[in-house]
Amino acid sequence: MNKRALIEQIIAALTVELEGYTRSARAAHAEATDEQSKAENKYDTRGLEASYLAQGQSRQAAEVVQAMQQYESLAVRSFAAQEPIALGAVVELERGGVRTVYFVGPRAGGTEVECEGQAVLVITPQSPMGQQLVGRKQGESLHLKVGRTSDSYRVAALE
């Protein structure tokens, strides 16, 4: 799999996410500062709630920008089969003949993109699944606990 193309897909997905947060923050800011949001009595908190929402959306947008910067500066390298899984690895896990592809990224865990016709899910080393995968090698079998379920997987491929 072309990792540079994969990273570009992740950045593109983060760009779309950033646009959504930016739009939401602007709308919440406009609501907070609108004349009709002015408190009519001490119990009217519409304007205050909108300002909190705008602040939260802006904070989320800043986190997405940081994630984009980390992906832009992420060194692209290949992993040999005998190397342990680490940041920047594309990992294929197999369970019952079904393969799932993951990318171990610095941030934005849960982001799903399509690269070369294959769905790829981003996980971070800090996530529960990432903690269980980091350090494993191709060919190893492992028992992953995902949520409340636990299944046996095999590291089918590592790039």
Protein backbone atom coordinates (compact mmCIF):
# COMPACT_ATOMS: atom_id res chain seq x y z
CA MET A 1 0.00 0.00 0.00
CA ASN A 2 1.26 3.46 -0.87
CA LYS A 3 1.66 5.05 2.57
CA ARG A 4 2.13 8.56 1.19
CA ALA A 5 -1.25 8.25 -0.57
CA LEU A 6 -2.77 6.82 2.62
CA ILE A 7 -1.51 9.76 4.68
CA GLU A 8 -2.85 12.17 2.05
CA GLN A 9 -6.27 10.46 2.36
CA ILE A 10 -6.14 10.86 6.15
CA ILE A 11 -5.22 14.55 5.80
CA ALA A 12 -8.08 15.01 3.30
CA ALA A 13 -10.53 13.41 5.78
CA LEU A 14 -9.21 15.67 8.54
CA THR A 15 -9.61 18.70 6.25
CA VAL A 16 -13.30 17.87 5.79
CA GLU A 17 -13.64 17.43 9.56
CA LEU A 18 -11.92 20.77 10.13
CA GLU A 19 -14.29 22.53 7.75
CA GLY A 20 -17.25 21.13 9.69
CA TYR A 21 -15.89 22.29 13.05
CA THR A 22 -15.06 25.71 11.61
CA ARG A 23 -18.58 26.15 10.20
CA SER A 24 -20.12 25.01 13.47
CA ALA A 25 -17.92 27.34 15.51
CA ARG A 26 -18.84 30.31 13.31
CA ALA A 27 -22.55 29.50 13.57
CA ALA A 28 -22.36 29.12 17.35
CA HIS A 29 -20.38 32.37 17.62
CA ALA A 30 -22.98 34.17 15.52
CA GLU A 31 -25.71 32.76 17.75
CA ALA A 32 -23.86 33.81 20.91
CA THR A 33 -23.40 37.38 19.72
CA ASP A 34 -26.81 37.80 18.06
CA GLU A 35 -29.07 40.47 19.55
CA GLN A 36 -31.85 37.91 20.05
CA SER A 37 -29.55 35.81 22.24
CA LYS A 38 -29.24 38.59 24.77
CA ALA A 39 -30.43 37.35 28.14
CA GLU A 40 -33.93 38.47 28.99
CA ASN A 41 -33.57 37.52 32.66
CA LYS A 42 -31.04 35.85 34.91
CA TYR A 43 -32.27 32.37 33.93
CA ASP A 44 -31.94 32.91 30.18
CA THR A 45 -28.65 31.25 29.21
CA ARG A 46 -29.03 30.83 25.43
CA GLY A 47 -26.21 33.22 24.60
CA LEU A 48 -23.92 31.73 27.23
CA GLU A 49 -24.60 28.19 26.01
CA ALA A 50 -23.91 29.22 22.42
CA SER A 51 -20.60 30.79 23.46
CA TYR A 52 -19.58 27.57 25.24
CA LEU A 53 -20.48 25.61 22.13
CA ALA A 54 -18.44 27.98 19.94
CA GLN A 55 -15.48 27.61 22.29
CA GLY A 56 -15.72 23.81 22.20
CA GLN A 57 -15.97 23.73 18.40
CA SER A 58 -12.95 26.02 18.12
CA ARG A 59 -10.96 23.76 20.44
CA GLN A 60 -11.89 20.72 18.34
CA ALA A 61 -10.81 22.57 15.19
CA ALA A 62 -7.44 23.37 16.80
CA GLU A 63 -6.94 19.69 17.66
CA VAL A 64 -7.67 18.68 14.06
CA VAL A 65 -5.14 21.25 12.82
CA GLN A 66 -2.52 19.76 15.16
CA ALA A 67 -3.33 16.26 13.89
CA MET A 68 -2.97 17.44 10.29
CA GLN A 69 0.42 18.95 11.10
CA GLN A 70 1.59 15.71 12.69
CA TYR A 71 0.52 13.70 9.63
CA GLU A 72 2.22 16.17 7.29
CA SER A 73 5.51 15.72 9.17
CA LEU A 74 5.15 11.96 9.72
CA ALA A 75 8.12 10.05 8.29
CA VAL A 76 6.99 7.39 5.83
CA ARG A 77 8.90 4.14 6.16
CA SER A 78 8.43 0.48 5.39
CA PHE A 79 8.34 -2.21 8.04
CA ALA A 80 9.95 -5.60 7.57
CA ALA A 81 8.07 -8.72 8.72
CA GLN A 82 10.41 -9.22 11.68
CA GLU A 83 10.09 -5.62 12.89
CA PRO A 84 7.71 -4.76 15.71
CA ILE A 85 4.57 -2.77 14.96
CA ALA A 86 5.12 0.93 15.65
CA LEU A 87 3.92 4.39 14.63
CA GLY A 88 3.52 4.59 10.86
CA ALA A 89 2.81 0.88 10.32
CA VAL A 90 0.06 -0.49 8.13
CA VAL A 91 -1.16 -3.66 9.83
CA GLU A 92 -3.43 -6.35 8.42
CA LEU A 93 -5.14 -8.47 11.03
CA GLU A 94 -6.84 -11.70 10.13
CA ARG A 95 -9.65 -13.40 12.00
CA GLY A 96 -11.49 -16.33 10.52
CA GLY A 97 -10.19 -15.63 7.01
CA VAL A 98 -11.35 -12.00 7.12
CA ARG A 99 -8.66 -9.33 6.95
CA THR A 100 -8.93 -5.82 8.35
CA VAL A 101 -6.38 -3.07 7.67
CA TYR A 102 -5.22 -0.55 10.28
CA PHE A 103 -2.80 2.36 10.18
CA VAL A 104 -0.98 3.22 13.39
CA GLY A 105 -1.06 7.02 13.35
CA PRO A 106 -0.06 9.76 15.78
CA ARG A 107 -3.63 11.13 16.17
CA ALA A 108 -7.14 11.01 14.75
CA GLY A 109 -7.89 7.47 15.88
CA GLY A 110 -11.18 6.22 14.50
CA THR A 111 -10.75 8.01 11.18
CA GLU A 112 -11.59 5.64 8.36
CA VAL A 113 -10.36 6.22 4.82
CA GLU A 114 -10.18 4.28 1.61
CA CYS A 115 -6.83 3.79 -0.06
CA GLU A 116 -6.23 1.66 -3.14
CA GLY A 117 -9.75 0.28 -2.85
CA GLN A 118 -9.22 -0.88 0.72
CA ALA A 119 -10.84 0.49 3.89
CA VAL A 120 -8.21 1.52 6.44
CA LEU A 121 -8.98 2.45 10.05
CA VAL A 122 -6.58 4.75 11.91
CA ILE A 123 -5.64 3.67 15.42
CA THR A 124 -3.21 5.37 17.78
CA PRO A 125 -0.60 3.71 20.00
CA GLN A 126 -2.49 5.16 23.01
CA SER A 127 -5.78 3.48 22.12
CA PRO A 128 -6.65 0.15 23.76
CA MET A 129 -6.21 -1.69 20.47
CA GLY A 130 -3.03 0.21 19.65
CA GLN A 131 -1.55 -0.69 23.04
CA GLN A 132 -2.21 -4.35 22.32
CA LEU A 133 -0.73 -4.21 18.80
CA VAL A 134 2.40 -2.08 19.25
CA GLY A 135 5.44 -4.31 19.58
CA ARG A 136 3.85 -7.33 17.88
CA LYS A 137 5.36 -8.82 14.71
CA GLN A 138 4.00 -10.28 11.49
CA GLY A 139 2.81 -13.85 11.93
CA GLU A 140 2.11 -13.50 15.63
CA SER A 141 -1.23 -14.56 16.99
CA LEU A 142 -2.82 -12.45 19.64
CA HIS A 143 -5.97 -12.27 21.65
CA LEU A 144 -7.42 -8.77 21.24
CA LYS A 145 -10.03 -7.39 23.54
CA VAL A 146 -12.14 -4.87 21.65
CA GLY A 147 -14.87 -3.39 23.78
CA ARG A 148 -16.53 -6.22 25.65
CA THR A 149 -15.60 -8.92 23.18
CA SER A 150 -12.34 -10.78 22.90
CA ASP A 151 -11.15 -12.61 19.77
CA SER A 152 -8.04 -14.27 18.42
CA TYR A 153 -6.29 -12.52 15.54
CA ARG A 154 -3.16 -13.08 13.52
CA VAL A 155 -0.91 -10.29 12.25
CA ALA A 156 -1.20 -11.27 8.57
CA ALA A 157 0.85 -8.47 7.07
CA LEU A 158 2.93 -5.51 8.12
CA GLU A 159 4.05 -2.68 5.87
